[in-house]
Amino acid sequence: MSEHPSEKPTEPIYQETKPLPPRPPQPPEPPRPARETRAMRPSKPPANYQQQYDYDRPTPPPAHVPGRKSRLTAGLLGILLGVVGAHRFYLGYKGLGWVMLLITAVSLGNAWFVPAIWGAIEGVLFLVMRKGYWSVDAKHRPLQW
């Protein structure tokens, strides 16, 4: 009778190795003394100290500043007259204003809905967003209400 290859004894795949020697015991570390930091020290102002500024409260928005553009005006111009880019001209972005106006003029009014939707979306963004691109004019001055 012939032996089938699966019936032949096989050599072990992994050879047994010697176990590693045990690690030498480490001496325990002595406890470190607690280090005092500024955060742990109680903060007491000097007796003659008068607080001049209240850093805990946010500063209120400044009153109306002449020369700054209005967020409300830009938003309403975008919603109502965005088809001709009026909000972009108002904020000083003349290049984008001309692009919106030229889309309407070159298409003879047939593509009026493209700058109209574009202007309406931008008008809402000028009204809603308080940070980033939608909150400043072309000279990077913040918009006011």
C-alpha atoms as a PDB file:
ATOM      1  CA  MET A   1       0.000   0.000   0.000  1.00  0.00           C
ATOM      2  CA  SER A   2       1.217   3.411  -0.857  1.00  0.00           C
ATOM      3  CA  GLU A   3       1.175   6.212   1.621  1.00  0.00           C
ATOM      4  CA  HIS A   4      -0.761   9.334   0.857  1.00  0.00           C
ATOM      5  CA  PRO A   5       1.270  12.586   1.204  1.00  0.00           C
ATOM      6  CA  SER A   6      -1.064  13.880   3.892  1.00  0.00           C
ATOM      7  CA  GLU A   7      -0.343  10.810   5.995  1.00  0.00           C
ATOM      8  CA  LYS A   8       3.404  11.376   6.090  1.00  0.00           C
ATOM      9  CA  PRO A   9       4.711  12.815   9.321  1.00  0.00           C
ATOM     10  CA  THR A  10       5.735  16.439   8.933  1.00  0.00           C
ATOM     11  CA  GLU A  11       8.316  18.489  10.708  1.00  0.00           C
ATOM     12  CA  PRO A  12       7.081  21.133  13.133  1.00  0.00           C
ATOM     13  CA  ILE A  13       6.777  24.571  11.571  1.00  0.00           C
ATOM     14  CA  TYR A  14       7.994  26.414  14.628  1.00  0.00           C
ATOM     15  CA  GLN A  15      10.998  25.197  16.504  1.00  0.00           C
ATOM     16  CA  GLU A  16      10.958  25.558  20.210  1.00  0.00           C
ATOM     17  CA  THR A  17      13.238  28.254  21.540  1.00  0.00           C
ATOM     18  CA  LYS A  18      14.708  28.797  24.923  1.00  0.00           C
ATOM     19  CA  PRO A  19      12.690  31.092  27.174  1.00  0.00           C
ATOM     20  CA  LEU A  20      14.154  34.533  27.802  1.00  0.00           C
ATOM     21  CA  PRO A  21      15.923  35.039  31.097  1.00  0.00           C
ATOM     22  CA  PRO A  22      13.901  36.944  33.678  1.00  0.00           C
ATOM     23  CA  ARG A  23      14.491  40.690  33.902  1.00  0.00           C
ATOM     24  CA  PRO A  24      16.474  41.899  36.839  1.00  0.00           C
ATOM     25  CA  PRO A  25      14.257  43.612  39.414  1.00  0.00           C
ATOM     26  CA  GLN A  26      14.180  47.390  39.104  1.00  0.00           C
ATOM     27  CA  PRO A  27      14.530  49.426  42.263  1.00  0.00           C
ATOM     28  CA  PRO A  28      11.356  51.402  42.974  1.00  0.00           C
ATOM     29  CA  GLU A  29      11.551  55.093  42.100  1.00  0.00           C
ATOM     30  CA  PRO A  30      11.458  57.403  45.070  1.00  0.00           C
ATOM     31  CA  PRO A  31       8.334  59.565  45.189  1.00  0.00           C
ATOM     32  CA  ARG A  32       8.853  62.982  43.675  1.00  0.00           C
ATOM     33  CA  PRO A  33       7.969  66.015  45.734  1.00  0.00           C
ATOM     34  CA  ALA A  34       4.953  67.918  44.467  1.00  0.00           C
ATOM     35  CA  ARG A  35       6.076  70.825  42.343  1.00  0.00           C
ATOM     36  CA  GLU A  36       4.217  74.053  42.930  1.00  0.00           C
ATOM     37  CA  THR A  37       3.143  75.823  39.769  1.00  0.00           C
ATOM     38  CA  ARG A  38       1.496  79.182  39.207  1.00  0.00           C
ATOM     39  CA  ALA A  39      -1.795  77.452  38.526  1.00  0.00           C
ATOM     40  CA  MET A  40      -1.710  75.816  41.963  1.00  0.00           C
ATOM     41  CA  ARG A  41      -0.966  79.024  43.853  1.00  0.00           C
ATOM     42  CA  PRO A  42      -3.963  80.983  45.025  1.00  0.00           C
ATOM     43  CA  SER A  43      -4.190  84.218  43.125  1.00  0.00           C
ATOM     44  CA  LYS A  44      -4.665  87.163  45.421  1.00  0.00           C
ATOM     45  CA  PRO A  45      -4.213  90.653  44.071  1.00  0.00           C
ATOM     46  CA  PRO A  46      -2.245  93.104  46.182  1.00  0.00           C
ATOM     47  CA  ALA A  47      -4.205  95.123  48.700  1.00  0.00           C
ATOM     48  CA  ASN A  48      -3.923  98.366  46.703  1.00  0.00           C
ATOM     49  CA  TYR A  49      -4.763  96.714  43.356  1.00  0.00           C
ATOM     50  CA  GLN A  50      -7.588  98.199  41.289  1.00  0.00           C
ATOM     51  CA  GLN A  51      -8.830  96.214  38.340  1.00  0.00           C
ATOM     52  CA  GLN A  52      -8.797  98.498  35.326  1.00  0.00           C
ATOM     53  CA  TYR A  53     -10.055  96.084  32.683  1.00  0.00           C
ATOM     54  CA  ASP A  54     -12.605  93.318  32.771  1.00  0.00           C
ATOM     55  CA  TYR A  55     -11.021  90.571  30.696  1.00  0.00           C
ATOM     56  CA  ASP A  56     -13.718  88.020  31.474  1.00  0.00           C
ATOM     57  CA  ARG A  57     -16.440  89.797  29.539  1.00  0.00           C
ATOM     58  CA  PRO A  58     -16.403  90.094  25.754  1.00  0.00           C
ATOM     59  CA  THR A  59     -16.117  93.598  24.420  1.00  0.00           C
ATOM     60  CA  PRO A  60     -19.375  94.979  23.075  1.00  0.00           C
ATOM     61  CA  PRO A  61     -19.513  95.705  19.349  1.00  0.00           C
ATOM     62  CA  PRO A  62     -18.539  99.278  18.570  1.00  0.00           C
ATOM     63  CA  ALA A  63     -21.244 101.763  17.785  1.00  0.00           C
ATOM     64  CA  HIS A  64     -21.823 102.900  14.227  1.00  0.00           C
ATOM     65  CA  VAL A  65     -18.499 103.723  12.593  1.00  0.00           C
ATOM     66  CA  PRO A  66     -18.684 106.003   9.543  1.00  0.00           C
ATOM     67  CA  GLY A  67     -17.186 104.488   6.413  1.00  0.00           C
ATOM     68  CA  ARG A  68     -17.902 100.882   7.340  1.00  0.00           C
ATOM     69  CA  LYS A  69     -20.335  98.977   5.165  1.00  0.00           C
ATOM     70  CA  SER A  70     -23.569  97.530   6.476  1.00  0.00           C
ATOM     71  CA  ARG A  71     -24.212  93.793   6.555  1.00  0.00           C
ATOM     72  CA  LEU A  72     -27.952  94.398   6.267  1.00  0.00           C
ATOM     73  CA  THR A  73     -27.576  96.591   3.188  1.00  0.00           C
ATOM     74  CA  ALA A  74     -25.253  94.087   1.489  1.00  0.00           C
ATOM     75  CA  GLY A  75     -27.631  91.203   2.210  1.00  0.00           C
ATOM     76  CA  LEU A  76     -30.724  93.012   0.944  1.00  0.00           C
ATOM     77  CA  LEU A  77     -28.923  94.233  -2.188  1.00  0.00           C
ATOM     78  CA  GLY A  78     -27.811  90.660  -2.862  1.00  0.00           C
ATOM     79  CA  ILE A  79     -31.318  89.271  -2.459  1.00  0.00           C
ATOM     80  CA  LEU A  80     -33.145  92.020  -4.360  1.00  0.00           C
ATOM     81  CA  LEU A  81     -30.597  93.277  -6.926  1.00  0.00           C
ATOM     82  CA  GLY A  82     -28.186  90.351  -7.077  1.00  0.00           C
ATOM     83  CA  VAL A  83     -29.013  89.878 -10.747  1.00  0.00           C
ATOM     84  CA  VAL A  84     -26.854  92.926 -11.565  1.00  0.00           C
ATOM     85  CA  GLY A  85     -24.281  92.385  -8.787  1.00  0.00           C
ATOM     86  CA  ALA A  86     -25.283  95.483  -6.815  1.00  0.00           C
ATOM     87  CA  HIS A  87     -24.146  93.968  -3.494  1.00  0.00           C
ATOM     88  CA  ARG A  88     -20.692  93.292  -4.929  1.00  0.00           C
ATOM     89  CA  PHE A  89     -20.304  96.862  -6.161  1.00  0.00           C
ATOM     90  CA  TYR A  90     -21.496  98.125  -2.764  1.00  0.00           C
ATOM     91  CA  LEU A  91     -18.850  96.118  -0.891  1.00  0.00           C
ATOM     92  CA  GLY A  92     -16.057  97.086  -3.290  1.00  0.00           C
ATOM     93  CA  TYR A  93     -15.728  93.762  -5.150  1.00  0.00           C
ATOM     94  CA  LYS A  94     -15.975  95.457  -8.541  1.00  0.00           C
ATOM     95  CA  GLY A  95     -14.607  92.520 -10.543  1.00  0.00           C
ATOM     96  CA  LEU A  96     -17.296  90.129  -9.346  1.00  0.00           C
ATOM     97  CA  GLY A  97     -19.906  92.843  -9.752  1.00  0.00           C
ATOM     98  CA  TRP A  98     -18.945  93.276 -13.403  1.00  0.00           C
ATOM     99  CA  VAL A  99     -19.020  89.511 -13.958  1.00  0.00           C
ATOM    100  CA  MET A 100     -22.566  89.281 -12.618  1.00  0.00           C
ATOM    101  CA  LEU A 101     -23.663  92.300 -14.618  1.00  0.00           C
ATOM    102  CA  LEU A 102     -22.057  90.979 -17.823  1.00  0.00           C
ATOM    103  CA  ILE A 103     -23.710  87.560 -17.466  1.00  0.00           C
ATOM    104  CA  THR A 104     -27.066  89.299 -17.447  1.00  0.00           C
ATOM    105  CA  ALA A 105     -26.214  91.778 -20.225  1.00  0.00           C
ATOM    106  CA  VAL A 106     -24.434  89.400 -22.646  1.00  0.00           C
ATOM    107  CA  SER A 107     -27.195  86.838 -22.447  1.00  0.00           C
ATOM    108  CA  LEU A 108     -29.711  89.643 -23.144  1.00  0.00           C
ATOM    109  CA  GLY A 109     -31.496  88.716 -19.955  1.00  0.00           C
ATOM    110  CA  ASN A 110     -31.999  85.078 -20.961  1.00  0.00           C
ATOM    111  CA  ALA A 111     -29.638  83.858 -18.220  1.00  0.00           C
ATOM    112  CA  TRP A 112     -30.916  86.293 -15.589  1.00  0.00           C
ATOM    113  CA  PHE A 113     -31.628  83.440 -13.177  1.00  0.00           C
ATOM    114  CA  VAL A 114     -27.906  82.516 -12.840  1.00  0.00           C
ATOM    115  CA  PRO A 115     -26.756  85.792 -11.222  1.00  0.00           C
ATOM    116  CA  ALA A 116     -30.133  86.098  -9.469  1.00  0.00           C
ATOM    117  CA  ILE A 117     -29.683  82.788  -7.646  1.00  0.00           C
ATOM    118  CA  TRP A 118     -25.995  83.561  -7.112  1.00  0.00           C
ATOM    119  CA  GLY A 119     -26.846  86.965  -5.616  1.00  0.00           C
ATOM    120  CA  ALA A 120     -29.670  85.604  -3.442  1.00  0.00           C
ATOM    121  CA  ILE A 121     -27.395  82.961  -1.930  1.00  0.00           C
ATOM    122  CA  GLU A 122     -24.680  85.526  -1.294  1.00  0.00           C
ATOM    123  CA  GLY A 123     -27.213  87.928   0.193  1.00  0.00           C
ATOM    124  CA  VAL A 124     -28.319  85.311   2.707  1.00  0.00           C
ATOM    125  CA  LEU A 125     -24.696  84.482   3.511  1.00  0.00           C
ATOM    126  CA  PHE A 126     -23.904  88.155   4.151  1.00  0.00           C
ATOM    127  CA  LEU A 127     -26.837  88.305   6.563  1.00  0.00           C
ATOM    128  CA  VAL A 128     -26.111  85.039   8.385  1.00  0.00           C
ATOM    129  CA  MET A 129     -22.333  84.544   8.516  1.00  0.00           C
ATOM    130  CA  ARG A 130     -20.458  86.479  11.178  1.00  0.00           C
ATOM    131  CA  LYS A 131     -16.910  85.264  10.462  1.00  0.00           C
ATOM    132  CA  GLY A 132     -14.747  84.779   7.410  1.00  0.00           C
ATOM    133  CA  TYR A 133     -15.212  85.966   3.837  1.00  0.00           C
ATOM    134  CA  TRP A 134     -18.875  86.902   4.222  1.00  0.00           C
ATOM    135  CA  SER A 135     -18.268  89.263   7.158  1.00  0.00           C
ATOM    136  CA  VAL A 136     -15.795  91.725   5.575  1.00  0.00           C
ATOM    137  CA  ASP A 137     -15.749  94.126   2.650  1.00  0.00           C
ATOM    138  CA  ALA A 138     -13.132  94.294  -0.121  1.00  0.00           C
ATOM    139  CA  LYS A 139     -10.696  96.158   2.153  1.00  0.00           C
ATOM    140  CA  HIS A 140     -11.088  93.475   4.862  1.00  0.00           C
ATOM    141  CA  ARG A 141     -12.961  95.811   7.199  1.00  0.00           C
ATOM    142  CA  PRO A 142     -15.646  94.041   9.244  1.00  0.00           C
ATOM    143  CA  LEU A 143     -19.240  94.691   8.261  1.00  0.00           C
ATOM    144  CA  GLN A 144     -21.542  96.241  10.817  1.00  0.00           C
ATOM    145  CA  TRP A 145     -25.255  95.946  11.245  1.00  0.00           C
END
